Amino acid sequence: RSPKNIIESIIGPVTIGSMLKGYRTTHEISIEDMSHKMKVSKEELHKIEAGTEQLPLKDVIHLSEKLDEPKHVYARVWCEEQVRRVGLDFDDVVRV
């Protein structure tokens, strides 16, 4: 098993929401300050972090730029989430 598979078996798959929460926690940013930076409500940010609300890819890319985070990482995680939502394995999809 790959390190990624081991980590995901412990904490679950990486999502845009978990990345945002990790960013917020690592940088010690409150949910209020982060929601202001993202220009969304606290409630909406909470839903995004929880995975109950999804952002369009263009918004994810824009957000990664605002946070000075690598766009390609956020784009890949977004794609992985979309593929998982329809019950497919991302690695199988990109291998095609």
Protein backbone atom coordinates (compact mmCIF):
# COMPACT_ATOMS: atom_id res chain seq x y z
CA ARG A 1 0.00 0.00 0.00
CA SER A 2 1.13 3.52 -0.76
CA PRO A 3 1.68 6.11 1.99
CA LYS A 4 -1.35 7.99 0.63
CA ASN A 5 -3.54 4.87 0.98
CA ILE A 6 -2.31 4.30 4.54
CA ILE A 7 -3.03 7.89 5.55
CA GLU A 8 -6.45 7.81 3.90
CA SER A 9 -7.30 4.56 5.68
CA ILE A 10 -6.68 6.36 8.98
CA ILE A 11 -8.17 9.81 8.39
CA GLY A 12 -10.27 9.32 5.27
CA PRO A 13 -9.74 10.75 1.80
CA VAL A 14 -8.29 14.20 1.34
CA THR A 15 -10.98 16.68 0.35
CA ILE A 16 -11.11 20.37 -0.43
CA GLY A 17 -12.85 20.82 2.90
CA SER A 18 -10.17 18.96 4.84
CA MET A 19 -7.47 20.95 3.04
CA LEU A 20 -9.16 24.24 3.93
CA LYS A 21 -9.61 23.18 7.54
CA GLY A 22 -5.98 22.06 7.67
CA TYR A 23 -4.85 25.39 6.20
CA ARG A 24 -7.00 27.30 8.68
CA THR A 25 -5.73 25.26 11.63
CA THR A 26 -2.07 25.36 10.59
CA HIS A 27 -2.17 29.12 10.10
CA GLU A 28 -4.25 29.61 13.27
CA ILE A 29 -7.01 31.43 11.40
CA SER A 30 -10.47 31.54 12.96
CA ILE A 31 -13.45 30.35 10.97
CA GLU A 32 -14.66 33.97 10.98
CA ASP A 33 -11.41 35.31 9.50
CA MET A 34 -11.17 32.49 6.97
CA SER A 35 -14.77 32.95 5.83
CA HIS A 36 -14.10 36.68 5.41
CA LYS A 37 -10.96 35.92 3.38
CA MET A 38 -12.96 33.51 1.21
CA LYS A 39 -15.91 35.93 0.98
CA VAL A 40 -18.39 33.30 2.21
CA SER A 41 -20.45 33.06 5.38
CA LYS A 42 -19.19 31.12 8.41
CA GLU A 43 -22.02 28.66 7.84
CA GLU A 44 -21.01 28.10 4.23
CA LEU A 45 -17.35 27.59 5.18
CA HIS A 46 -18.43 25.09 7.84
CA LYS A 47 -20.42 23.18 5.19
CA ILE A 48 -17.47 23.24 2.79
CA GLU A 49 -15.10 21.95 5.48
CA ALA A 50 -17.62 19.26 6.43
CA GLY A 51 -18.02 18.22 2.80
CA THR A 52 -21.73 18.93 2.61
CA GLU A 53 -21.27 21.83 0.21
CA GLN A 54 -19.09 21.72 -2.90
CA LEU A 55 -17.32 24.53 -4.70
CA PRO A 56 -17.02 24.67 -8.49
CA LEU A 57 -13.50 24.04 -9.78
CA LYS A 58 -13.03 27.66 -10.86
CA ASP A 59 -13.76 28.80 -7.29
CA VAL A 60 -11.33 26.21 -5.88
CA ILE A 61 -8.58 27.47 -8.21
CA HIS A 62 -9.30 31.09 -7.32
CA LEU A 63 -9.27 30.24 -3.64
CA SER A 64 -5.95 28.39 -3.87
CA GLU A 65 -4.47 31.50 -5.48
CA LYS A 66 -5.82 33.73 -2.68
CA LEU A 67 -4.30 31.39 -0.09
CA ASP A 68 -1.03 31.18 -2.06
CA GLU A 69 -1.42 27.42 -2.23
CA PRO A 70 -0.49 25.25 -5.26
CA LYS A 71 -3.36 25.32 -7.79
CA HIS A 72 -2.52 21.90 -9.22
CA VAL A 73 -2.89 20.24 -5.80
CA TYR A 74 -6.29 21.80 -5.18
CA ALA A 75 -7.40 20.94 -8.73
CA ARG A 76 -6.34 17.32 -8.33
CA VAL A 77 -8.09 16.93 -4.97
CA TRP A 78 -11.24 18.49 -6.45
CA CYS A 79 -11.10 16.02 -9.36
CA GLU A 80 -10.53 13.09 -6.99
CA GLU A 81 -13.59 14.15 -4.97
CA GLN A 82 -15.79 14.34 -8.07
CA VAL A 83 -14.69 10.89 -9.23
CA ARG A 84 -15.27 9.38 -5.76
CA ARG A 85 -18.78 10.89 -5.68
CA VAL A 86 -19.77 8.78 -8.69
CA GLY A 87 -18.24 5.64 -7.21
CA LEU A 88 -15.09 5.38 -9.30
CA ASP A 89 -11.44 5.08 -8.31
CA PHE A 90 -9.42 8.11 -9.41
CA ASP A 91 -6.28 6.10 -10.14
CA ASP A 92 -8.27 3.82 -12.45
CA VAL A 93 -9.79 6.79 -14.23
CA VAL A 94 -6.49 8.56 -14.91
CA ARG A 95 -4.84 5.30 -16.00
CA VAL A 96 -7.28 5.01 -18.92
